[in-house]
């Protein structure tokens, strides 16, 4: 099957017209704003065995830039999972969101990991530079890169098992549109590449915590990005 994933596209686009002529299937991620977005976030938290209070859902939804694309959906889910982990079984409160969700770079981090997963070196380095300009911390960037690599590994496993999109979305607890993009990105990597990169992240984290990092933090991250986008 051939799958195209677009952040946004007009109904009059030549690509859309061509797909329609070929009797292809077009799936659009629903736009979620206001109360609909808050309800979706609460439901997503419940699927993961957690609780997002209405006030927390409002606070988290307010960090959205109102895009309906896959990067924004993935970004919101990632922030929510971080909050659920922090809450440790307790309901997530609005003050937790204000404490843990740095609005200055919440959108940029997922644009960065998306570019990294697409093996777009120039864009990934540019996004990484933007994040550093906004004071994104080295450990935070390592955590988010590691999360994305683990998602890619799991997507490869599901792909190899011929799991369909709805079931894969259920397994990964991500929207189907996000999963389609993730599967396409995962096919660009060999499993060994992802495993090696995760090992590198563990080593960099340990070196950072013990003060034995061999190079500057920015250089270490640049080298990791160059390695991951090498093909």
C-alpha atoms as a PDB file:
ATOM      1  CA  UNK A   1       0.000   0.000   0.000  1.00  0.00           C
ATOM      2  CA  UNK A   2       1.091   3.584  -0.684  1.00  0.00           C
ATOM      3  CA  UNK A   3       0.366   6.051   2.127  1.00  0.00           C
ATOM      4  CA  UNK A   4       0.793   9.841   2.018  1.00  0.00           C
ATOM      5  CA  UNK A   5       0.876  11.772   5.288  1.00  0.00           C
ATOM      6  CA  UNK A   6       0.352  15.540   5.105  1.00  0.00           C
ATOM      7  CA  UNK A   7       0.270  18.066   7.962  1.00  0.00           C
ATOM      8  CA  UNK A   8      -2.368  20.034   6.038  1.00  0.00           C
ATOM      9  CA  UNK A   9      -3.754  19.811   2.529  1.00  0.00           C
ATOM     10  CA  UNK A  10      -6.528  21.500   0.567  1.00  0.00           C
ATOM     11  CA  UNK A  11      -9.486  19.514  -0.758  1.00  0.00           C
ATOM     12  CA  UNK A  12      -8.691  21.003  -4.178  1.00  0.00           C
ATOM     13  CA  UNK A  13      -5.058  19.825  -4.107  1.00  0.00           C
ATOM     14  CA  UNK A  14      -3.931  17.894  -7.228  1.00  0.00           C
ATOM     15  CA  UNK A  15      -2.809  15.100  -4.886  1.00  0.00           C
ATOM     16  CA  UNK A  16      -6.286  14.814  -3.359  1.00  0.00           C
ATOM     17  CA  UNK A  17      -7.885  14.838  -6.807  1.00  0.00           C
ATOM     18  CA  UNK A  18      -5.517  12.105  -8.009  1.00  0.00           C
ATOM     19  CA  UNK A  19      -6.271   9.908  -4.981  1.00  0.00           C
ATOM     20  CA  UNK A  20     -10.006  10.361  -5.533  1.00  0.00           C
ATOM     21  CA  UNK A  21      -9.664   9.387  -9.218  1.00  0.00           C
ATOM     22  CA  UNK A  22      -7.812   6.224  -8.177  1.00  0.00           C
ATOM     23  CA  UNK A  23     -10.550   5.393  -5.628  1.00  0.00           C
ATOM     24  CA  UNK A  24      -8.103   5.818  -2.784  1.00  0.00           C
ATOM     25  CA  UNK A  25      -9.048   6.473   0.829  1.00  0.00           C
ATOM     26  CA  UNK A  26      -8.554   9.906   2.405  1.00  0.00           C
ATOM     27  CA  UNK A  27      -8.592  10.083   6.200  1.00  0.00           C
ATOM     28  CA  UNK A  28      -8.637  13.488   7.867  1.00  0.00           C
ATOM     29  CA  UNK A  29      -7.772  14.012  11.510  1.00  0.00           C
ATOM     30  CA  UNK A  30     -10.689  15.893  13.109  1.00  0.00           C
ATOM     31  CA  UNK A  31     -10.067  19.435  14.242  1.00  0.00           C
ATOM     32  CA  UNK A  32     -10.280  19.615  18.005  1.00  0.00           C
ATOM     33  CA  UNK A  33     -10.668  22.955  19.688  1.00  0.00           C
ATOM     34  CA  UNK A  34     -12.171  24.228  22.917  1.00  0.00           C
ATOM     35  CA  UNK A  35     -14.425  21.776  24.736  1.00  0.00           C
ATOM     36  CA  UNK A  36     -13.945  19.052  22.097  1.00  0.00           C
ATOM     37  CA  UNK A  37     -10.173  19.139  22.589  1.00  0.00           C
ATOM     38  CA  UNK A  38     -10.528  19.061  26.390  1.00  0.00           C
ATOM     39  CA  UNK A  39     -12.920  16.084  26.236  1.00  0.00           C
ATOM     40  CA  UNK A  40     -10.518  14.257  23.921  1.00  0.00           C
ATOM     41  CA  UNK A  41      -7.611  14.822  26.320  1.00  0.00           C
ATOM     42  CA  UNK A  42      -9.663  13.525  29.277  1.00  0.00           C
ATOM     43  CA  UNK A  43     -10.647  10.423  27.262  1.00  0.00           C
ATOM     44  CA  UNK A  44      -7.039   9.807  26.202  1.00  0.00           C
ATOM     45  CA  UNK A  45      -5.927  10.000  29.846  1.00  0.00           C
ATOM     46  CA  UNK A  46      -8.623   7.512  30.858  1.00  0.00           C
ATOM     47  CA  UNK A  47      -7.464   5.084  28.148  1.00  0.00           C
ATOM     48  CA  UNK A  48      -4.046   5.143  29.817  1.00  0.00           C
ATOM     49  CA  UNK A  49      -5.494   4.426  33.252  1.00  0.00           C
ATOM     50  CA  UNK A  50      -5.150   7.990  34.510  1.00  0.00           C
ATOM     51  CA  UNK A  51      -7.327  10.972  35.305  1.00  0.00           C
ATOM     52  CA  UNK A  52      -7.075  14.480  33.886  1.00  0.00           C
ATOM     53  CA  UNK A  53      -9.278  16.909  35.820  1.00  0.00           C
ATOM     54  CA  UNK A  54     -11.386  19.342  33.760  1.00  0.00           C
ATOM     55  CA  UNK A  55      -9.226  22.270  34.899  1.00  0.00           C
ATOM     56  CA  UNK A  56      -6.062  20.366  33.899  1.00  0.00           C
ATOM     57  CA  UNK A  57      -7.568  19.540  30.503  1.00  0.00           C
ATOM     58  CA  UNK A  58      -8.350  23.223  29.978  1.00  0.00           C
ATOM     59  CA  UNK A  59      -4.802  24.197  30.958  1.00  0.00           C
ATOM     60  CA  UNK A  60      -3.217  21.607  28.659  1.00  0.00           C
ATOM     61  CA  UNK A  61      -5.538  22.465  25.753  1.00  0.00           C
ATOM     62  CA  UNK A  62      -4.547  26.125  26.130  1.00  0.00           C
ATOM     63  CA  UNK A  63      -0.975  25.212  25.149  1.00  0.00           C
ATOM     64  CA  UNK A  64      -2.174  23.988  21.742  1.00  0.00           C
ATOM     65  CA  UNK A  65      -1.517  26.172  18.731  1.00  0.00           C
ATOM     66  CA  UNK A  66      -4.878  24.934  17.344  1.00  0.00           C
ATOM     67  CA  UNK A  67      -3.362  22.918  14.525  1.00  0.00           C
ATOM     68  CA  UNK A  68      -5.256  19.730  13.693  1.00  0.00           C
ATOM     69  CA  UNK A  69      -2.220  17.890  12.357  1.00  0.00           C
ATOM     70  CA  UNK A  70      -0.488  14.754  13.549  1.00  0.00           C
ATOM     71  CA  UNK A  71       2.476  16.529  15.124  1.00  0.00           C
ATOM     72  CA  UNK A  72       0.148  18.493  17.420  1.00  0.00           C
ATOM     73  CA  UNK A  73      -1.839  15.383  18.401  1.00  0.00           C
ATOM     74  CA  UNK A  74       1.369  13.533  19.214  1.00  0.00           C
ATOM     75  CA  UNK A  75       2.710  16.518  21.142  1.00  0.00           C
ATOM     76  CA  UNK A  76      -0.390  16.756  23.334  1.00  0.00           C
ATOM     77  CA  UNK A  77      -0.385  13.024  24.032  1.00  0.00           C
ATOM     78  CA  UNK A  78       3.289  13.140  24.966  1.00  0.00           C
ATOM     79  CA  UNK A  79       2.712  15.982  27.412  1.00  0.00           C
ATOM     80  CA  UNK A  80      -0.281  14.189  28.894  1.00  0.00           C
ATOM     81  CA  UNK A  81       1.704  10.954  29.414  1.00  0.00           C
ATOM     82  CA  UNK A  82       4.415  12.944  31.178  1.00  0.00           C
ATOM     83  CA  UNK A  83       1.790  14.481  33.477  1.00  0.00           C
ATOM     84  CA  UNK A  84       0.234  11.082  34.259  1.00  0.00           C
ATOM     85  CA  UNK A  85       3.648   9.702  35.184  1.00  0.00           C
ATOM     86  CA  UNK A  86       4.302  12.674  37.443  1.00  0.00           C
ATOM     87  CA  UNK A  87       0.883  12.335  39.122  1.00  0.00           C
ATOM     88  CA  UNK A  88       1.690   8.679  39.956  1.00  0.00           C
ATOM     89  CA  UNK A  89      -1.915   7.475  40.075  1.00  0.00           C
ATOM     90  CA  UNK A  90      -3.417  10.700  41.386  1.00  0.00           C
ATOM     91  CA  UNK A  91      -5.619  12.954  39.207  1.00  0.00           C
ATOM     92  CA  UNK A  92      -3.600  15.464  37.198  1.00  0.00           C
ATOM     93  CA  UNK A  93      -4.382  19.000  38.376  1.00  0.00           C
ATOM     94  CA  UNK A  94      -4.097  22.334  36.571  1.00  0.00           C
ATOM     95  CA  UNK A  95      -1.095  23.333  38.693  1.00  0.00           C
ATOM     96  CA  UNK A  96       0.707  20.171  37.480  1.00  0.00           C
ATOM     97  CA  UNK A  97       0.262  21.371  33.904  1.00  0.00           C
ATOM     98  CA  UNK A  98       1.597  24.817  34.751  1.00  0.00           C
ATOM     99  CA  UNK A  99       4.577  23.235  36.509  1.00  0.00           C
ATOM    100  CA  UNK A 100       5.562  20.643  33.889  1.00  0.00           C
ATOM    101  CA  UNK A 101       4.461  21.945  30.475  1.00  0.00           C
ATOM    102  CA  UNK A 102       6.884  24.653  29.289  1.00  0.00           C
ATOM    103  CA  UNK A 103       4.721  26.491  26.781  1.00  0.00           C
ATOM    104  CA  UNK A 104       7.691  28.183  25.124  1.00  0.00           C
ATOM    105  CA  UNK A 105       8.816  24.994  23.382  1.00  0.00           C
ATOM    106  CA  UNK A 106       6.082  22.365  23.715  1.00  0.00           C
ATOM    107  CA  UNK A 107       5.180  22.579  20.022  1.00  0.00           C
ATOM    108  CA  UNK A 108       8.777  22.808  18.773  1.00  0.00           C
ATOM    109  CA  UNK A 109       9.895  19.592  20.482  1.00  0.00           C
ATOM    110  CA  UNK A 110       7.430  17.498  18.496  1.00  0.00           C
ATOM    111  CA  UNK A 111       8.262  19.283  15.262  1.00  0.00           C
ATOM    112  CA  UNK A 112      11.888  18.376  16.037  1.00  0.00           C
ATOM    113  CA  UNK A 113      11.244  14.674  16.727  1.00  0.00           C
ATOM    114  CA  UNK A 114       9.035  14.492  13.613  1.00  0.00           C
ATOM    115  CA  UNK A 115      11.860  15.887  11.462  1.00  0.00           C
ATOM    116  CA  UNK A 116      14.292  13.485  13.129  1.00  0.00           C
ATOM    117  CA  UNK A 117      12.027  10.495  12.429  1.00  0.00           C
ATOM    118  CA  UNK A 118      11.697  11.631   8.809  1.00  0.00           C
ATOM    119  CA  UNK A 119      15.520  11.663   8.562  1.00  0.00           C
ATOM    120  CA  UNK A 120      15.393  15.297   7.468  1.00  0.00           C
ATOM    121  CA  UNK A 121      18.793  16.401   8.757  1.00  0.00           C
ATOM    122  CA  UNK A 122      18.638  20.102   7.928  1.00  0.00           C
ATOM    123  CA  UNK A 123      15.166  20.568   9.400  1.00  0.00           C
ATOM    124  CA  UNK A 124      15.953  18.477  12.501  1.00  0.00           C
ATOM    125  CA  UNK A 125      19.118  20.499  13.207  1.00  0.00           C
ATOM    126  CA  UNK A 126      17.219  23.743  12.670  1.00  0.00           C
ATOM    127  CA  UNK A 127      14.453  22.666  15.067  1.00  0.00           C
ATOM    128  CA  UNK A 128      17.056  21.547  17.596  1.00  0.00           C
ATOM    129  CA  UNK A 129      18.777  24.937  17.353  1.00  0.00           C
ATOM    130  CA  UNK A 130      15.424  26.669  17.930  1.00  0.00           C
ATOM    131  CA  UNK A 131      14.850  24.567  21.042  1.00  0.00           C
ATOM    132  CA  UNK A 132      18.272  25.426  22.424  1.00  0.00           C
ATOM    133  CA  UNK A 133      17.566  29.108  21.787  1.00  0.00           C
ATOM    134  CA  UNK A 134      14.507  28.639  23.999  1.00  0.00           C
ATOM    135  CA  UNK A 135      16.618  27.019  26.746  1.00  0.00           C
ATOM    136  CA  UNK A 136      15.360  23.448  26.311  1.00  0.00           C
ATOM    137  CA  UNK A 137      17.456  21.415  28.756  1.00  0.00           C
ATOM    138  CA  UNK A 138      19.840  18.674  27.608  1.00  0.00           C
ATOM    139  CA  UNK A 139      18.199  15.903  29.741  1.00  0.00           C
ATOM    140  CA  UNK A 140      14.739  16.892  28.475  1.00  0.00           C
ATOM    141  CA  UNK A 141      15.872  16.656  24.853  1.00  0.00           C
ATOM    142  CA  UNK A 142      17.431  13.238  25.482  1.00  0.00           C
ATOM    143  CA  UNK A 143      14.194  11.982  27.040  1.00  0.00           C
ATOM    144  CA  UNK A 144      12.072  13.168  24.114  1.00  0.00           C
ATOM    145  CA  UNK A 145      14.436  11.731  21.488  1.00  0.00           C
ATOM    146  CA  UNK A 146      14.467   8.437  23.375  1.00  0.00           C
ATOM    147  CA  UNK A 147      10.671   8.382  23.525  1.00  0.00           C
ATOM    148  CA  UNK A 148      10.447   8.876  19.780  1.00  0.00           C
ATOM    149  CA  UNK A 149      12.976   6.124  19.072  1.00  0.00           C
ATOM    150  CA  UNK A 150      11.063   3.686  21.267  1.00  0.00           C
ATOM    151  CA  UNK A 151       7.875   4.538  19.372  1.00  0.00           C
ATOM    152  CA  UNK A 152       9.654   3.843  16.085  1.00  0.00           C
ATOM    153  CA  UNK A 153      10.910   0.480  17.376  1.00  0.00           C
ATOM    154  CA  UNK A 154       7.437  -0.520  18.507  1.00  0.00           C
ATOM    155  CA  UNK A 155       5.993   0.609  15.172  1.00  0.00           C
ATOM    156  CA  UNK A 156       8.501  -1.634  13.384  1.00  0.00           C
ATOM    157  CA  UNK A 157       7.397  -4.603  15.485  1.00  0.00           C
ATOM    158  CA  UNK A 158       3.730  -3.969  14.720  1.00  0.00           C
ATOM    159  CA  UNK A 159       4.496  -3.501  11.035  1.00  0.00           C
ATOM    160  CA  UNK A 160       6.446  -6.774  10.894  1.00  0.00           C
ATOM    161  CA  UNK A 161       3.498  -8.549  12.517  1.00  0.00           C
ATOM    162  CA  UNK A 162       1.162  -7.089   9.838  1.00  0.00           C
ATOM    163  CA  UNK A 163      -0.981  -5.347  12.456  1.00  0.00           C
ATOM    164  CA  UNK A 164      -3.544  -3.051  10.816  1.00  0.00           C
ATOM    165  CA  UNK A 165      -3.760   0.675  11.542  1.00  0.00           C
ATOM    166  CA  UNK A 166      -6.727   0.582  13.977  1.00  0.00           C
ATOM    167  CA  UNK A 167      -5.135  -2.161  16.085  1.00  0.00           C
ATOM    168  CA  UNK A 168      -1.709  -0.477  15.969  1.00  0.00           C
ATOM    169  CA  UNK A 169      -3.329   2.774  17.094  1.00  0.00           C
ATOM    170  CA  UNK A 170      -4.900   0.907  20.020  1.00  0.00           C
ATOM    171  CA  UNK A 171      -1.566  -0.728  20.923  1.00  0.00           C
ATOM    172  CA  UNK A 172       0.363   2.545  20.779  1.00  0.00           C
ATOM    173  CA  UNK A 173      -2.493   4.629  22.230  1.00  0.00           C
ATOM    174  CA  UNK A 174      -2.073   7.179  19.451  1.00  0.00           C
ATOM    175  CA  UNK A 175      -4.503   8.558  16.833  1.00  0.00           C
ATOM    176  CA  UNK A 176      -4.628   6.499  13.576  1.00  0.00           C
ATOM    177  CA  UNK A 177      -3.251   9.403  11.551  1.00  0.00           C
ATOM    178  CA  UNK A 178      -0.222   9.655  13.835  1.00  0.00           C
ATOM    179  CA  UNK A 179       0.323   5.893  13.606  1.00  0.00           C
ATOM    180  CA  UNK A 180       0.283   5.978   9.795  1.00  0.00           C
ATOM    181  CA  UNK A 181       3.020   8.585   9.802  1.00  0.00           C
ATOM    182  CA  UNK A 182       4.979   6.708  12.458  1.00  0.00           C
ATOM    183  CA  UNK A 183       4.863   3.464  10.469  1.00  0.00           C
ATOM    184  CA  UNK A 184       6.130   5.246   7.362  1.00  0.00           C
ATOM    185  CA  UNK A 185       8.956   6.818   9.351  1.00  0.00           C
ATOM    186  CA  UNK A 186       9.867   3.526  11.055  1.00  0.00           C
ATOM    187  CA  UNK A 187      10.424   1.891   7.657  1.00  0.00           C
ATOM    188  CA  UNK A 188      13.266   4.348   7.021  1.00  0.00           C
ATOM    189  CA  UNK A 189      15.373   2.852   9.805  1.00  0.00           C
ATOM    190  CA  UNK A 190      17.064  -0.484  10.423  1.00  0.00           C
ATOM    191  CA  UNK A 191      16.243  -1.861  13.864  1.00  0.00           C
ATOM    192  CA  UNK A 192      19.942  -1.910  14.758  1.00  0.00           C
ATOM    193  CA  UNK A 193      20.173   1.835  14.079  1.00  0.00           C
ATOM    194  CA  UNK A 194      17.409   2.586  16.561  1.00  0.00           C
ATOM    195  CA  UNK A 195      18.787   0.231  19.212  1.00  0.00           C
ATOM    196  CA  UNK A 196      22.271   1.746  18.863  1.00  0.00           C
ATOM    197  CA  UNK A 197      20.859   5.292  19.111  1.00  0.00           C
ATOM    198  CA  UNK A 198      18.973   4.379  22.291  1.00  0.00           C
ATOM    199  CA  UNK A 199      22.183   2.968  23.760  1.00  0.00           C
ATOM    200  CA  UNK A 200      23.914   6.236  22.873  1.00  0.00           C
ATOM    201  CA  UNK A 201      21.205   8.189  24.690  1.00  0.00           C
ATOM    202  CA  UNK A 202      21.615   6.063  27.832  1.00  0.00           C
ATOM    203  CA  UNK A 203      25.376   6.625  27.701  1.00  0.00           C
ATOM    204  CA  UNK A 204      25.003  10.386  27.154  1.00  0.00           C
ATOM    205  CA  UNK A 205      22.537  10.646  30.034  1.00  0.00           C
ATOM    206  CA  UNK A 206      24.899   8.762  32.362  1.00  0.00           C
ATOM    207  CA  UNK A 207      27.862  10.930  31.295  1.00  0.00           C
ATOM    208  CA  UNK A 208      25.848  14.106  31.837  1.00  0.00           C
ATOM    209  CA  UNK A 209      24.763  13.043  35.319  1.00  0.00           C
ATOM    210  CA  UNK A 210      28.316  12.084  36.342  1.00  0.00           C
ATOM    211  CA  UNK A 211      29.984  15.110  34.743  1.00  0.00           C
ATOM    212  CA  UNK A 212      32.008  12.964  32.317  1.00  0.00           C
ATOM    213  CA  UNK A 213      30.474  14.123  29.032  1.00  0.00           C
ATOM    214  CA  UNK A 214      33.282  14.030  26.461  1.00  0.00           C
ATOM    215  CA  UNK A 215      31.981  16.949  24.384  1.00  0.00           C
ATOM    216  CA  UNK A 216      29.763  19.982  24.884  1.00  0.00           C
ATOM    217  CA  UNK A 217      26.061  19.211  25.275  1.00  0.00           C
ATOM    218  CA  UNK A 218      25.141  20.961  22.021  1.00  0.00           C
ATOM    219  CA  UNK A 219      27.845  19.082  20.098  1.00  0.00           C
ATOM    220  CA  UNK A 220      26.721  15.730  21.555  1.00  0.00           C
ATOM    221  CA  UNK A 221      23.129  16.344  20.427  1.00  0.00           C
ATOM    222  CA  UNK A 222      24.178  17.576  16.991  1.00  0.00           C
ATOM    223  CA  UNK A 223      26.256  14.425  16.483  1.00  0.00           C
ATOM    224  CA  UNK A 224      23.322  12.243  17.566  1.00  0.00           C
ATOM    225  CA  UNK A 225      21.025  13.966  15.076  1.00  0.00           C
ATOM    226  CA  UNK A 226      23.577  13.642  12.272  1.00  0.00           C
ATOM    227  CA  UNK A 227      23.939   9.940  13.020  1.00  0.00           C
ATOM    228  CA  UNK A 228      20.191   9.326  13.024  1.00  0.00           C
ATOM    229  CA  UNK A 229      19.645  11.228   9.776  1.00  0.00           C
ATOM    230  CA  UNK A 230      22.637   9.692   8.037  1.00  0.00           C
ATOM    231  CA  UNK A 231      20.781   7.989   5.202  1.00  0.00           C
END
